Amino acid sequence: MKRKKDKNYDVYEIVAKNIKYYRKIKKMTQAELAEKTEYSHEFIRRIEAPNSKKNFSLDAVSNIAEALDIDIELLFEKKDLE
């Protein structure tokens, strides 16, 4: 059975919003996060872009959490960041 995706519960959107949230708390630019993770600036930009198709691995999420110096679990917390 295929579940209809509800954007409010899309794990990719939740993680993307949290990455942006914590990056801004750490006062980092997308370029700085990209450099710290050794990912391209374009990759980080696409993750954070609100209307782009999300496609990133748990390994990427782990690397980003490490670069942000936060526990990976924080990136999966559903909270109102709008």
PDB file of N, CA and C in Angstrom:
ATOM      1  N   MET A   1       0.856  -1.179   0.000  1.00  0.00           N
ATOM      2  CA  MET A   1       0.000   0.000   0.000  1.00  0.00           C
ATOM      3  C   MET A   1       0.901   1.240   0.000  1.00  0.00           C
ATOM      4  N   LYS A   2       0.652   2.123  -0.919  1.00  0.00           N
ATOM      5  CA  LYS A   2       1.435   3.346  -1.040  1.00  0.00           C
ATOM      6  C   LYS A   2       0.747   4.466  -0.270  1.00  0.00           C
ATOM      7  N   ARG A   3       1.520   5.106   0.624  1.00  0.00           N
ATOM      8  CA  ARG A   3       0.972   6.220   1.403  1.00  0.00           C
ATOM      9  C   ARG A   3       1.152   7.520   0.645  1.00  0.00           C
ATOM     10  N   LYS A   4       0.131   8.332   0.699  1.00  0.00           N
ATOM     11  CA  LYS A   4       0.220   9.663   0.114  1.00  0.00           C
ATOM     12  C   LYS A   4       1.158  10.496   0.974  1.00  0.00           C
ATOM     13  N   LYS A   5       2.085  11.183   0.320  1.00  0.00           N
ATOM     14  CA  LYS A   5       3.015  12.030   1.068  1.00  0.00           C
ATOM     15  C   LYS A   5       2.320  13.298   1.528  1.00  0.00           C
ATOM     16  N   ASP A   6       2.374  13.538   2.807  1.00  0.00           N
ATOM     17  CA  ASP A   6       1.868  14.771   3.388  1.00  0.00           C
ATOM     18  C   ASP A   6       3.085  15.644   3.648  1.00  0.00           C
ATOM     19  N   LYS A   7       3.148  16.792   2.988  1.00  0.00           N
ATOM     20  CA  LYS A   7       4.325  17.648   3.095  1.00  0.00           C
ATOM     21  C   LYS A   7       4.648  18.004   4.547  1.00  0.00           C
ATOM     22  N   ASN A   8       3.645  18.073   5.398  1.00  0.00           N
ATOM     23  CA  ASN A   8       3.883  18.391   6.805  1.00  0.00           C
ATOM     24  C   ASN A   8       4.657  17.294   7.529  1.00  0.00           C
ATOM     25  N   TYR A   9       4.648  16.082   6.977  1.00  0.00           N
ATOM     26  CA  TYR A   9       5.315  14.962   7.634  1.00  0.00           C
ATOM     27  C   TYR A   9       6.429  14.377   6.777  1.00  0.00           C
ATOM     28  N   ASP A  10       6.838  15.057   5.735  1.00  0.00           N
ATOM     29  CA  ASP A  10       7.910  14.597   4.869  1.00  0.00           C
ATOM     30  C   ASP A  10       9.231  14.734   5.609  1.00  0.00           C
ATOM     31  N   VAL A  11       9.879  13.617   5.886  1.00  0.00           N
ATOM     32  CA  VAL A  11      11.111  13.623   6.675  1.00  0.00           C
ATOM     33  C   VAL A  11      12.200  14.452   5.995  1.00  0.00           C
ATOM     34  N   TYR A  12      12.249  14.452   4.674  1.00  0.00           N
ATOM     35  CA  TYR A  12      13.247  15.256   3.976  1.00  0.00           C
ATOM     36  C   TYR A  12      13.034  16.745   4.244  1.00  0.00           C
ATOM     37  N   GLU A  13      11.791  17.172   4.247  1.00  0.00           N
ATOM     38  CA  GLU A  13      11.488  18.586   4.513  1.00  0.00           C
ATOM     39  C   GLU A  13      11.821  18.946   5.955  1.00  0.00           C
ATOM     40  N   ILE A  14      11.519  18.057   6.882  1.00  0.00           N
ATOM     41  CA  ILE A  14      11.814  18.301   8.296  1.00  0.00           C
ATOM     42  C   ILE A  14      13.323  18.453   8.493  1.00  0.00           C
ATOM     43  N   VAL A  15      14.087  17.512   7.930  1.00  0.00           N
ATOM     44  CA  VAL A  15      15.546  17.559   8.063  1.00  0.00           C
ATOM     45  C   VAL A  15      16.102  18.817   7.403  1.00  0.00           C
ATOM     46  N   ALA A  16      15.604  19.142   6.220  1.00  0.00           N
ATOM     47  CA  ALA A  16      16.092  20.328   5.500  1.00  0.00           C
ATOM     48  C   ALA A  16      15.854  21.605   6.301  1.00  0.00           C
ATOM     49  N   LYS A  17      14.664  21.746   6.867  1.00  0.00           N
ATOM     50  CA  LYS A  17      14.354  22.937   7.669  1.00  0.00           C
ATOM     51  C   LYS A  17      15.236  22.999   8.909  1.00  0.00           C
ATOM     52  N   ASN A  18      15.482  21.843   9.513  1.00  0.00           N
ATOM     53  CA  ASN A  18      16.324  21.817  10.711  1.00  0.00           C
ATOM     54  C   ASN A  18      17.780  22.122  10.383  1.00  0.00           C
ATOM     55  N   ILE A  19      18.258  21.643   9.247  1.00  0.00           N
ATOM     56  CA  ILE A  19      19.627  21.975   8.837  1.00  0.00           C
ATOM     57  C   ILE A  19      19.771  23.480   8.716  1.00  0.00           C
ATOM     58  N   LYS A  20      18.827  24.103   8.038  1.00  0.00           N
ATOM     59  CA  LYS A  20      18.874  25.555   7.864  1.00  0.00           C
ATOM     60  C   LYS A  20      18.787  26.266   9.215  1.00  0.00           C
ATOM     61  N   TYR A  21      17.886  25.796  10.070  1.00  0.00           N
ATOM     62  CA  TYR A  21      17.690  26.391  11.394  1.00  0.00           C
ATOM     63  C   TYR A  21      18.983  26.356  12.211  1.00  0.00           C
ATOM     64  N   TYR A  22      19.580  25.182  12.320  1.00  0.00           N
ATOM     65  CA  TYR A  22      20.797  25.054  13.125  1.00  0.00           C
ATOM     66  C   TYR A  22      21.997  25.736  12.475  1.00  0.00           C
ATOM     67  N   ARG A  23      22.044  25.759  11.153  1.00  0.00           N
ATOM     68  CA  ARG A  23      23.123  26.469  10.463  1.00  0.00           C
ATOM     69  C   ARG A  23      23.064  27.955  10.812  1.00  0.00           C
ATOM     70  N   LYS A  24      21.857  28.504  10.808  1.00  0.00           N
ATOM     71  CA  LYS A  24      21.707  29.926  11.128  1.00  0.00           C
ATOM     72  C   LYS A  24      22.019  30.203  12.594  1.00  0.00           C
ATOM     73  N   ILE A  25      21.639  29.302  13.494  1.00  0.00           N
ATOM     74  CA  ILE A  25      21.983  29.455  14.914  1.00  0.00           C
ATOM     75  C   ILE A  25      23.499  29.506  15.085  1.00  0.00           C
ATOM     76  N   LYS A  26      24.196  28.681  14.312  1.00  0.00           N
ATOM     77  CA  LYS A  26      25.662  28.627  14.386  1.00  0.00           C
ATOM     78  C   LYS A  26      26.319  29.764  13.595  1.00  0.00           C
ATOM     79  N   LYS A  27      25.469  30.620  13.003  1.00  0.00           N
ATOM     80  CA  LYS A  27      25.952  31.775  12.222  1.00  0.00           C
ATOM     81  C   LYS A  27      26.892  31.346  11.093  1.00  0.00           C
ATOM     82  N   MET A  28      26.489  30.275  10.403  1.00  0.00           N
ATOM     83  CA  MET A  28      27.258  29.764   9.270  1.00  0.00           C
ATOM     84  C   MET A  28      26.506  30.058   7.979  1.00  0.00           C
ATOM     85  N   THR A  29      27.243  30.333   6.931  1.00  0.00           N
ATOM     86  CA  THR A  29      26.634  30.466   5.613  1.00  0.00           C
ATOM     87  C   THR A  29      26.537  29.072   4.988  1.00  0.00           C
ATOM     88  N   GLN A  30      25.764  28.975   3.928  1.00  0.00           N
ATOM     89  CA  GLN A  30      25.700  27.714   3.197  1.00  0.00           C
ATOM     90  C   GLN A  30      27.084  27.345   2.680  1.00  0.00           C
ATOM     91  N   ALA A  31      27.826  28.329   2.217  1.00  0.00           N
ATOM     92  CA  ALA A  31      29.171  28.081   1.690  1.00  0.00           C
ATOM     93  C   ALA A  31      30.093  27.543   2.786  1.00  0.00           C
ATOM     94  N   GLU A  32      29.986  28.086   3.984  1.00  0.00           N
ATOM     95  CA  GLU A  32      30.819  27.610   5.100  1.00  0.00           C
ATOM     96  C   GLU A  32      30.458  26.179   5.484  1.00  0.00           C
ATOM     97  N   LEU A  33      29.156  25.882   5.498  1.00  0.00           N
ATOM     98  CA  LEU A  33      28.726  24.518   5.802  1.00  0.00           C
ATOM     99  C   LEU A  33      29.212  23.561   4.716  1.00  0.00           C
ATOM    100  N   ALA A  34      29.113  23.990   3.478  1.00  0.00           N
ATOM    101  CA  ALA A  34      29.587  23.165   2.363  1.00  0.00           C
ATOM    102  C   ALA A  34      31.077  22.871   2.507  1.00  0.00           C
ATOM    103  N   GLU A  35      31.843  23.882   2.829  1.00  0.00           N
ATOM    104  CA  GLU A  35      33.283  23.702   2.984  1.00  0.00           C
ATOM    105  C   GLU A  35      33.597  22.745   4.139  1.00  0.00           C
ATOM    106  N   LYS A  36      32.887  22.904   5.238  1.00  0.00           N
ATOM    107  CA  LYS A  36      33.134  22.082   6.422  1.00  0.00           C
ATOM    108  C   LYS A  36      32.759  20.613   6.181  1.00  0.00           C
ATOM    109  N   THR A  37      31.748  20.372   5.356  1.00  0.00           N
ATOM    110  CA  THR A  37      31.293  19.007   5.077  1.00  0.00           C
ATOM    111  C   THR A  37      31.978  18.409   3.853  1.00  0.00           C
ATOM    112  N   GLU A  38      32.646  19.267   3.089  1.00  0.00           N
ATOM    113  CA  GLU A  38      33.254  18.877   1.812  1.00  0.00           C
ATOM    114  C   GLU A  38      32.200  18.503   0.764  1.00  0.00           C
ATOM    115  N   TYR A  39      30.993  19.043   0.926  1.00  0.00           N
ATOM    116  CA  TYR A  39      29.956  18.942  -0.097  1.00  0.00           C
ATOM    117  C   TYR A  39      29.975  20.243  -0.888  1.00  0.00           C
ATOM    118  N   SER A  40      29.352  20.218  -2.052  1.00  0.00           N
ATOM    119  CA  SER A  40      29.303  21.444  -2.844  1.00  0.00           C
ATOM    120  C   SER A  40      28.295  22.421  -2.237  1.00  0.00           C
ATOM    121  N   HIS A  41      28.535  23.697  -2.507  1.00  0.00           N
ATOM    122  CA  HIS A  41      27.590  24.729  -2.072  1.00  0.00           C
ATOM    123  C   HIS A  41      26.231  24.455  -2.698  1.00  0.00           C
ATOM    124  N   GLU A  42      26.215  24.001  -3.943  1.00  0.00           N
ATOM    125  CA  GLU A  42      24.962  23.689  -4.653  1.00  0.00           C
ATOM    126  C   GLU A  42      24.190  22.584  -3.922  1.00  0.00           C
ATOM    127  N   PHE A  43      24.875  21.577  -3.430  1.00  0.00           N
ATOM    128  CA  PHE A  43      24.225  20.474  -2.708  1.00  0.00           C
ATOM    129  C   PHE A  43      23.544  21.003  -1.444  1.00  0.00           C
ATOM    130  N   ILE A  44      24.246  21.812  -0.678  1.00  0.00           N
ATOM    131  CA  ILE A  44      23.669  22.392   0.547  1.00  0.00           C
ATOM    132  C   ILE A  44      22.500  23.303   0.190  1.00  0.00           C
ATOM    133  N   ARG A  45      22.657  24.110  -0.849  1.00  0.00           N
ATOM    134  CA  ARG A  45      21.587  25.008  -1.281  1.00  0.00           C
ATOM    135  C   ARG A  45      20.334  24.220  -1.669  1.00  0.00           C
ATOM    136  N   ARG A  46      20.507  23.122  -2.422  1.00  0.00           N
ATOM    137  CA  ARG A  46      19.363  22.305  -2.837  1.00  0.00           C
ATOM    138  C   ARG A  46      18.680  21.650  -1.649  1.00  0.00           C
ATOM    139  N   ILE A  47      19.454  21.221  -0.661  1.00  0.00           N
ATOM    140  CA  ILE A  47      18.845  20.622   0.539  1.00  0.00           C
ATOM    141  C   ILE A  47      17.935  21.640   1.216  1.00  0.00           C
ATOM    142  N   GLU A  48      18.415  22.856   1.355  1.00  0.00           N
ATOM    143  CA  GLU A  48      17.658  23.886   2.082  1.00  0.00           C
ATOM    144  C   GLU A  48      16.561  24.552   1.258  1.00  0.00           C
ATOM    145  N   ALA A  49      16.618  24.470  -0.049  1.00  0.00           N
ATOM    146  CA  ALA A  49      15.620  25.135  -0.895  1.00  0.00           C
ATOM    147  C   ALA A  49      14.233  24.547  -0.615  1.00  0.00           C
ATOM    148  N   PRO A  50      13.255  25.397  -0.309  1.00  0.00           N
ATOM    149  CA  PRO A  50      11.942  24.912   0.124  1.00  0.00           C
ATOM    150  C   PRO A  50      11.162  24.121  -0.922  1.00  0.00           C
ATOM    151  N   ASN A  51      11.323  24.416  -2.187  1.00  0.00           N
ATOM    152  CA  ASN A  51      10.499  23.748  -3.192  1.00  0.00           C
ATOM    153  C   ASN A  51      11.291  22.827  -4.109  1.00  0.00           C
ATOM    154  N   SER A  52      12.490  22.456  -3.686  1.00  0.00           N
ATOM    155  CA  SER A  52      13.276  21.557  -4.528  1.00  0.00           C
ATOM    156  C   SER A  52      13.066  20.114  -4.087  1.00  0.00           C
ATOM    157  N   LYS A  53      13.254  19.209  -5.031  1.00  0.00           N
ATOM    158  CA  LYS A  53      13.157  17.789  -4.714  1.00  0.00           C
ATOM    159  C   LYS A  53      14.343  17.415  -3.836  1.00  0.00           C
ATOM    160  N   LYS A  54      14.053  16.794  -2.715  1.00  0.00           N
ATOM    161  CA  LYS A  54      15.094  16.442  -1.763  1.00  0.00           C
ATOM    162  C   LYS A  54      15.600  15.031  -2.044  1.00  0.00           C
ATOM    163  N   ASN A  55      16.916  14.875  -2.031  1.00  0.00           N
ATOM    164  CA  ASN A  55      17.516  13.565  -2.218  1.00  0.00           C
ATOM    165  C   ASN A  55      18.883  13.579  -1.556  1.00  0.00           C
ATOM    166  N   PHE A  56      18.923  13.173  -0.300  1.00  0.00           N
ATOM    167  CA  PHE A  56      20.195  13.098   0.409  1.00  0.00           C
ATOM    168  C   PHE A  56      20.172  11.885   1.328  1.00  0.00           C
ATOM    169  N   SER A  57      21.340  11.388   1.647  1.00  0.00           N
ATOM    170  CA  SER A  57      21.465  10.149   2.421  1.00  0.00           C
ATOM    171  C   SER A  57      21.581  10.419   3.913  1.00  0.00           C
ATOM    172  N   LEU A  58      21.421   9.364   4.680  1.00  0.00           N
ATOM    173  CA  LEU A  58      21.641   9.469   6.129  1.00  0.00           C
ATOM    174  C   LEU A  58      23.095   9.792   6.415  1.00  0.00           C
ATOM    175  N   ASP A  59      23.987   9.309   5.572  1.00  0.00           N
ATOM    176  CA  ASP A  59      25.401   9.635   5.727  1.00  0.00           C
ATOM    177  C   ASP A  59      25.613  11.146   5.580  1.00  0.00           C
ATOM    178  N   ALA A  60      24.944  11.752   4.613  1.00  0.00           N
ATOM    179  CA  ALA A  60      25.050  13.201   4.421  1.00  0.00           C
ATOM    180  C   ALA A  60      24.491  13.934   5.633  1.00  0.00           C
ATOM    181  N   VAL A  61      23.359  13.467   6.151  1.00  0.00           N
ATOM    182  CA  VAL A  61      22.754  14.092   7.335  1.00  0.00           C
ATOM    183  C   VAL A  61      23.709  13.975   8.527  1.00  0.00           C
ATOM    184  N   SER A  62      24.333  12.830   8.672  1.00  0.00           N
ATOM    185  CA  SER A  62      25.301  12.625   9.751  1.00  0.00           C
ATOM    186  C   SER A  62      26.491  13.574   9.613  1.00  0.00           C
ATOM    187  N   ASN A  63      27.011  13.713   8.419  1.00  0.00           N
ATOM    188  CA  ASN A  63      28.140  14.620   8.176  1.00  0.00           C
ATOM    189  C   ASN A  63      27.761  16.070   8.446  1.00  0.00           C
ATOM    190  N   ILE A  64      26.560  16.453   8.061  1.00  0.00           N
ATOM    191  CA  ILE A  64      26.098  17.821   8.296  1.00  0.00           C
ATOM    192  C   ILE A  64      25.928  18.068   9.793  1.00  0.00           C
ATOM    193  N   ALA A  65      25.339  17.108  10.501  1.00  0.00           N
ATOM    194  CA  ALA A  65      25.182  17.247  11.957  1.00  0.00           C
ATOM    195  C   ALA A  65      26.544  17.401  12.625  1.00  0.00           C
ATOM    196  N   GLU A  66      27.507  16.626  12.179  1.00  0.00           N
ATOM    197  CA  GLU A  66      28.858  16.717  12.742  1.00  0.00           C
ATOM    198  C   GLU A  66      29.464  18.093  12.462  1.00  0.00           C
ATOM    199  N   ALA A  67      29.276  18.597  11.251  1.00  0.00           N
ATOM    200  CA  ALA A  67      29.805  19.913  10.883  1.00  0.00           C
ATOM    201  C   ALA A  67      29.133  21.022  11.694  1.00  0.00           C
ATOM    202  N   LEU A  68      27.858  20.826  12.020  1.00  0.00           N
ATOM    203  CA  LEU A  68      27.128  21.808  12.825  1.00  0.00           C
ATOM    204  C   LEU A  68      27.372  21.623  14.323  1.00  0.00           C
ATOM    205  N   ASP A  69      28.068  20.547  14.669  1.00  0.00           N
ATOM    206  CA  ASP A  69      28.379  20.221  16.062  1.00  0.00           C
ATOM    207  C   ASP A  69      27.099  20.047  16.889  1.00  0.00           C
ATOM    208  N   ILE A  70      26.168  19.244  16.329  1.00  0.00           N
ATOM    209  CA  ILE A  70      24.910  18.937  17.016  1.00  0.00           C
ATOM    210  C   ILE A  70      24.654  17.436  16.920  1.00  0.00           C
ATOM    211  N   ASP A  71      23.792  16.925  17.785  1.00  0.00           N
ATOM    212  CA  ASP A  71      23.383  15.524  17.707  1.00  0.00           C
ATOM    213  C   ASP A  71      22.484  15.344  16.488  1.00  0.00           C
ATOM    214  N   ILE A  72      22.689  14.272  15.752  1.00  0.00           N
ATOM    215  CA  ILE A  72      21.922  14.029  14.531  1.00  0.00           C
ATOM    216  C   ILE A  72      20.418  13.987  14.811  1.00  0.00           C
ATOM    217  N   GLU A  73      20.036  13.526  15.998  1.00  0.00           N
ATOM    218  CA  GLU A  73      18.613  13.421  16.343  1.00  0.00           C
ATOM    219  C   GLU A  73      17.897  14.766  16.221  1.00  0.00           C
ATOM    220  N   LEU A  74      18.606  15.848  16.490  1.00  0.00           N
ATOM    221  CA  LEU A  74      17.989  17.182  16.411  1.00  0.00           C
ATOM    222  C   LEU A  74      17.501  17.498  15.001  1.00  0.00           C
ATOM    223  N   LEU A  75      18.140  16.915  14.006  1.00  0.00           N
ATOM    224  CA  LEU A  75      17.745  17.203  12.621  1.00  0.00           C
ATOM    225  C   LEU A  75      16.456  16.492  12.220  1.00  0.00           C
ATOM    226  N   PHE A  76      16.004  15.533  13.024  1.00  0.00           N
ATOM    227  CA  PHE A  76      14.786  14.785  12.709  1.00  0.00           C
ATOM    228  C   PHE A  76      13.585  15.227  13.537  1.00  0.00           C
ATOM    229  N   GLU A  77      13.778  16.197  14.429  1.00  0.00           N
ATOM    230  CA  GLU A  77      12.680  16.664  15.274  1.00  0.00           C
ATOM    231  C   GLU A  77      11.711  17.520  14.488  1.00  0.00           C
ATOM    232  N   LYS A  78      10.453  17.157  14.574  1.00  0.00           N
ATOM    233  CA  LYS A  78       9.417  17.948  13.906  1.00  0.00           C
ATOM    234  C   LYS A  78       9.042  19.119  14.805  1.00  0.00           C
ATOM    235  N   LYS A  79       9.249  20.312  14.288  1.00  0.00           N
ATOM    236  CA  LYS A  79       8.871  21.513  15.037  1.00  0.00           C
ATOM    237  C   LYS A  79       8.464  22.573  14.037  1.00  0.00           C
ATOM    238  N   ASP A  80       7.753  23.557  14.522  1.00  0.00           N
ATOM    239  CA  ASP A  80       7.279  24.619  13.644  1.00  0.00           C
ATOM    240  C   ASP A  80       8.406  25.626  13.427  1.00  0.00           C
ATOM    241  N   LEU A  81       9.015  25.575  12.242  1.00  0.00           N
ATOM    242  CA  LEU A  81      10.124  26.477  11.930  1.00  0.00           C
ATOM    243  C   LEU A  81       9.733  27.491  10.854  1.00  0.00           C
ATOM    244  N   GLU A  82       8.484  27.534  10.497  1.00  0.00           N
ATOM    245  CA  GLU A  82       8.021  28.459   9.439  1.00  0.00           C
ATOM    246  C   GLU A  82       8.117  29.889   9.910  1.00  0.00           C
TER     247      GLU A  82
END
